[in-house]
């Protein structure tokens, strides 16, 4: 289900993985679509598909989930990336 550009703007920003602060993940909107660029070896522009409830997937059929977290005030403050294998990486919104 497509999100509005206003809704997508909540997720845009720069995220830093908790385990490697020198790497960043840039989340941005292009039209009604959300993408991310990761500064990690081998990564490139990836589209994220909304699954609702702050959850996105790299393809509509994927089990790899990107779940945005929120602070007590409801502002997006982080990103958890879950893989099919059950592991996950946590990132903090830094910009």
N, C-alpha and C. Protein backbone atom coordinates (compact mmCIF):
# COMPACT_ATOMS: atom_id res chain seq x y z
N UNK A 1 0.85 -1.19 0.00
CA UNK A 1 0.00 0.00 0.00
C UNK A 1 0.89 1.25 0.00
N UNK A 2 0.77 2.11 -1.00
CA UNK A 2 1.63 3.29 -1.08
C UNK A 2 1.34 4.28 0.06
N UNK A 3 2.39 4.90 0.53
CA UNK A 3 2.26 5.93 1.56
C UNK A 3 2.38 7.29 0.90
N UNK A 4 1.83 8.29 1.54
CA UNK A 4 1.93 9.65 1.01
C UNK A 4 3.35 10.17 1.23
N UNK A 5 3.72 11.20 0.49
CA UNK A 5 5.06 11.77 0.66
C UNK A 5 5.23 12.31 2.07
N UNK A 6 4.16 12.81 2.68
CA UNK A 6 4.24 13.29 4.07
C UNK A 6 4.53 12.16 5.04
N UNK A 7 3.88 11.03 4.85
CA UNK A 7 4.12 9.87 5.71
C UNK A 7 5.53 9.33 5.51
N UNK A 8 5.99 9.31 4.27
CA UNK A 8 7.34 8.82 3.99
C UNK A 8 8.41 9.71 4.63
N UNK A 9 8.14 11.01 4.71
CA UNK A 9 9.11 11.95 5.26
C UNK A 9 9.48 11.62 6.70
N UNK A 10 8.56 11.00 7.44
CA UNK A 10 8.86 10.61 8.82
C UNK A 10 10.05 9.66 8.91
N UNK A 11 10.21 8.83 7.90
CA UNK A 11 11.23 7.79 7.91
C UNK A 11 12.57 8.25 7.34
N UNK A 12 12.56 9.35 6.59
CA UNK A 12 13.78 9.77 5.92
C UNK A 12 14.81 10.28 6.93
N UNK A 13 16.06 10.06 6.61
CA UNK A 13 17.14 10.52 7.48
C UNK A 13 18.33 9.59 7.38
N UNK A 14 19.28 9.81 8.27
CA UNK A 14 20.50 9.02 8.32
C UNK A 14 20.50 8.19 9.59
N UNK A 15 20.79 6.92 9.43
CA UNK A 15 20.82 5.97 10.54
C UNK A 15 22.21 5.38 10.65
N UNK A 16 22.69 5.19 11.87
CA UNK A 16 24.01 4.60 12.10
C UNK A 16 23.84 3.28 12.85
N UNK A 17 24.39 2.18 12.33
CA UNK A 17 24.28 0.90 13.03
C UNK A 17 24.94 0.99 14.41
N UNK A 18 24.31 0.39 15.40
CA UNK A 18 24.82 0.43 16.78
C UNK A 18 26.22 -0.17 16.87
N UNK A 19 26.51 -1.15 16.03
CA UNK A 19 27.79 -1.86 16.09
C UNK A 19 28.89 -1.23 15.24
N UNK A 20 28.55 -0.26 14.39
CA UNK A 20 29.57 0.38 13.54
C UNK A 20 29.11 1.79 13.18
N UNK A 21 29.42 2.75 14.06
CA UNK A 21 28.93 4.13 13.89
C UNK A 21 29.51 4.83 12.66
N UNK A 22 30.61 4.33 12.10
CA UNK A 22 31.20 5.01 10.94
C UNK A 22 30.45 4.67 9.66
N UNK A 23 29.60 3.63 9.68
CA UNK A 23 28.77 3.30 8.53
C UNK A 23 27.43 3.99 8.69
N UNK A 24 26.84 4.39 7.60
CA UNK A 24 25.53 5.03 7.69
C UNK A 24 24.58 4.42 6.68
N UNK A 25 23.32 4.52 7.01
CA UNK A 25 22.24 4.10 6.12
C UNK A 25 21.40 5.35 5.87
N UNK A 26 21.27 5.76 4.62
CA UNK A 26 20.49 6.94 4.29
C UNK A 26 19.15 6.49 3.72
N UNK A 27 18.08 6.90 4.38
CA UNK A 27 16.72 6.55 3.95
C UNK A 27 16.11 7.82 3.35
N UNK A 28 15.54 7.70 2.14
CA UNK A 28 14.99 8.87 1.47
C UNK A 28 13.79 8.47 0.61
N UNK A 29 12.96 9.45 0.35
CA UNK A 29 11.78 9.24 -0.49
C UNK A 29 12.08 9.75 -1.89
N UNK A 30 11.50 9.07 -2.87
CA UNK A 30 11.54 9.51 -4.26
C UNK A 30 10.13 9.29 -4.77
N UNK A 31 9.39 10.39 -4.89
CA UNK A 31 7.98 10.25 -5.22
C UNK A 31 7.25 9.58 -4.06
N UNK A 32 6.45 8.56 -4.35
CA UNK A 32 5.72 7.83 -3.31
C UNK A 32 6.45 6.57 -2.89
N UNK A 33 7.75 6.51 -3.09
CA UNK A 33 8.52 5.31 -2.78
C UNK A 33 9.62 5.65 -1.79
N UNK A 34 9.97 4.68 -0.94
CA UNK A 34 11.03 4.85 0.04
C UNK A 34 12.21 3.98 -0.37
N UNK A 35 13.41 4.54 -0.27
CA UNK A 35 14.64 3.84 -0.65
C UNK A 35 15.65 3.99 0.46
N UNK A 36 16.67 3.14 0.43
CA UNK A 36 17.82 3.38 1.29
C UNK A 36 19.10 3.09 0.53
N UNK A 37 20.14 3.84 0.89
CA UNK A 37 21.51 3.62 0.43
C UNK A 37 22.31 3.32 1.68
N UNK A 38 23.04 2.25 1.67
CA UNK A 38 23.87 1.91 2.81
C UNK A 38 25.34 2.08 2.43
N UNK A 39 26.11 2.65 3.35
CA UNK A 39 27.54 2.78 3.13
C UNK A 39 28.19 1.56 3.78
N UNK A 40 28.00 0.42 3.14
CA UNK A 40 28.57 -0.84 3.59
C UNK A 40 29.05 -1.56 2.34
N UNK A 41 30.02 -2.40 2.45
CA UNK A 41 30.54 -3.09 1.26
C UNK A 41 29.45 -3.81 0.48
N UNK A 42 29.36 -3.51 -0.82
CA UNK A 42 28.45 -4.23 -1.70
C UNK A 42 27.02 -3.74 -1.72
N UNK A 43 26.66 -2.77 -0.89
CA UNK A 43 25.27 -2.32 -0.85
C UNK A 43 25.02 -1.23 -1.88
N UNK A 44 23.77 -1.09 -2.25
CA UNK A 44 23.38 -0.11 -3.26
C UNK A 44 21.98 0.40 -2.94
N UNK A 45 21.42 1.18 -3.84
CA UNK A 45 20.08 1.72 -3.67
C UNK A 45 19.07 0.58 -3.63
N UNK A 46 18.27 0.55 -2.56
CA UNK A 46 17.28 -0.52 -2.38
C UNK A 46 15.93 0.12 -2.08
N UNK A 47 14.89 -0.33 -2.78
CA UNK A 47 13.54 0.17 -2.49
C UNK A 47 12.95 -0.60 -1.33
N UNK A 48 12.23 0.11 -0.46
CA UNK A 48 11.54 -0.50 0.66
C UNK A 48 10.03 -0.44 0.41
N UNK A 49 9.36 -1.57 0.60
CA UNK A 49 7.92 -1.66 0.37
C UNK A 49 7.20 -1.70 1.71
N UNK A 50 6.20 -0.85 1.88
CA UNK A 50 5.48 -0.75 3.15
C UNK A 50 4.64 -1.98 3.41
N UNK A 51 4.77 -2.47 4.65
CA UNK A 51 3.91 -3.55 5.12
C UNK A 51 2.96 -3.05 6.19
N UNK A 52 2.98 -1.73 6.44
CA UNK A 52 2.14 -1.15 7.49
C UNK A 52 2.84 -1.19 8.83
N UNK A 53 2.35 -0.39 9.77
CA UNK A 53 2.87 -0.37 11.14
C UNK A 53 4.39 -0.16 11.22
N UNK A 54 4.91 0.79 10.45
CA UNK A 54 6.34 1.14 10.48
C UNK A 54 7.24 0.01 9.98
N UNK A 55 6.67 -0.97 9.27
CA UNK A 55 7.43 -2.12 8.78
C UNK A 55 7.53 -2.06 7.26
N UNK A 56 8.75 -2.32 6.75
CA UNK A 56 9.00 -2.30 5.31
C UNK A 56 9.76 -3.57 4.93
N UNK A 57 9.67 -3.92 3.64
CA UNK A 57 10.34 -5.11 3.12
C UNK A 57 11.09 -4.74 1.85
N UNK A 58 12.17 -5.47 1.51
CA UNK A 58 12.92 -5.16 0.31
C UNK A 58 12.22 -5.63 -0.95
N UNK A 59 11.33 -6.60 -0.84
CA UNK A 59 10.41 -6.95 -1.92
C UNK A 59 9.09 -7.29 -1.25
N UNK A 60 7.99 -7.18 -1.96
CA UNK A 60 6.70 -7.51 -1.33
C UNK A 60 6.65 -8.96 -0.81
N UNK A 61 7.48 -9.85 -1.37
CA UNK A 61 7.47 -11.26 -0.96
C UNK A 61 8.52 -11.57 0.10
N UNK A 62 9.35 -10.61 0.45
CA UNK A 62 10.50 -10.86 1.32
C UNK A 62 10.09 -11.06 2.78
N UNK A 63 10.87 -11.88 3.48
CA UNK A 63 10.71 -12.02 4.92
C UNK A 63 11.69 -11.13 5.67
N UNK A 64 12.64 -10.52 4.96
CA UNK A 64 13.56 -9.58 5.60
C UNK A 64 12.79 -8.29 5.88
N UNK A 65 12.71 -7.91 7.14
CA UNK A 65 11.89 -6.76 7.53
C UNK A 65 12.75 -5.60 8.02
N UNK A 66 12.34 -4.42 7.68
CA UNK A 66 12.96 -3.19 8.16
C UNK A 66 11.89 -2.49 8.99
N UNK A 67 12.10 -2.45 10.31
CA UNK A 67 11.09 -1.91 11.21
C UNK A 67 11.63 -0.64 11.85
N UNK A 68 10.94 0.46 11.59
CA UNK A 68 11.33 1.74 12.17
C UNK A 68 10.79 1.82 13.60
N UNK A 69 11.62 2.31 14.52
CA UNK A 69 11.21 2.44 15.92
C UNK A 69 10.90 3.90 16.21
N UNK A 70 10.11 4.11 17.26
CA UNK A 70 9.70 5.47 17.64
C UNK A 70 9.98 5.72 19.12
N UNK A 71 10.22 6.99 19.44
CA UNK A 71 10.41 7.37 20.84
C UNK A 71 9.05 7.58 21.51
N UNK A 72 9.06 7.96 22.76
CA UNK A 72 7.82 8.12 23.52
C UNK A 72 6.89 9.18 22.91
N UNK A 73 7.47 10.14 22.20
CA UNK A 73 6.67 11.20 21.58
C UNK A 73 6.14 10.80 20.20
N UNK A 74 6.52 9.60 19.73
CA UNK A 74 6.03 9.12 18.44
C UNK A 74 6.91 9.47 17.26
N UNK A 75 8.09 10.05 17.52
CA UNK A 75 9.01 10.38 16.43
C UNK A 75 9.88 9.18 16.10
N UNK A 76 10.12 8.97 14.80
CA UNK A 76 10.99 7.87 14.38
C UNK A 76 12.39 8.14 14.91
N UNK A 77 12.96 7.15 15.62
CA UNK A 77 14.29 7.35 16.22
C UNK A 77 15.27 6.22 15.92
N UNK A 78 14.84 5.22 15.16
CA UNK A 78 15.75 4.13 14.86
C UNK A 78 15.19 3.19 13.81
N UNK A 79 16.01 2.21 13.47
CA UNK A 79 15.67 1.24 12.43
C UNK A 79 16.24 -0.11 12.83
N UNK A 80 15.38 -1.12 12.86
CA UNK A 80 15.82 -2.50 13.11
C UNK A 80 15.67 -3.27 11.80
N UNK A 81 16.73 -3.98 11.42
CA UNK A 81 16.71 -4.75 10.18
C UNK A 81 16.77 -6.23 10.55
N UNK A 82 15.68 -6.94 10.28
CA UNK A 82 15.58 -8.36 10.61
C UNK A 82 15.80 -9.19 9.35
N UNK A 83 16.52 -10.30 9.47
CA UNK A 83 16.72 -11.20 8.34
C UNK A 83 15.92 -12.48 8.54
N UNK A 84 15.74 -13.23 7.45
CA UNK A 84 15.00 -14.48 7.50
C UNK A 84 15.61 -15.44 8.51
N UNK A 85 16.93 -15.34 8.71
CA UNK A 85 17.62 -16.25 9.62
C UNK A 85 17.33 -15.92 11.08
N UNK A 86 16.64 -14.81 11.33
CA UNK A 86 16.28 -14.46 12.70
C UNK A 86 17.22 -13.49 13.38
N UNK A 87 18.28 -13.07 12.69
CA UNK A 87 19.18 -12.09 13.29
C UNK A 87 18.68 -10.68 12.95
N UNK A 88 19.16 -9.70 13.69
CA UNK A 88 18.79 -8.33 13.35
C UNK A 88 19.88 -7.35 13.73
N UNK A 89 19.89 -6.24 13.02
CA UNK A 89 20.80 -5.14 13.28
C UNK A 89 19.96 -3.95 13.72
N UNK A 90 20.46 -3.22 14.70
CA UNK A 90 19.76 -2.07 15.20
C UNK A 90 20.54 -0.81 14.83
N UNK A 91 19.84 0.19 14.33
CA UNK A 91 20.47 1.46 13.97
C UNK A 91 19.73 2.59 14.65
N UNK A 92 20.50 3.65 14.94
CA UNK A 92 19.96 4.82 15.60
C UNK A 92 19.85 5.95 14.58
N UNK A 93 18.77 6.72 14.62
CA UNK A 93 18.63 7.86 13.70
C UNK A 93 19.53 8.97 14.20
N UNK A 94 20.47 9.38 13.36
CA UNK A 94 21.46 10.40 13.76
C UNK A 94 21.27 11.72 13.03
N UNK A 95 20.46 11.75 12.01
CA UNK A 95 20.19 13.02 11.29
C UNK A 95 18.90 12.90 10.52
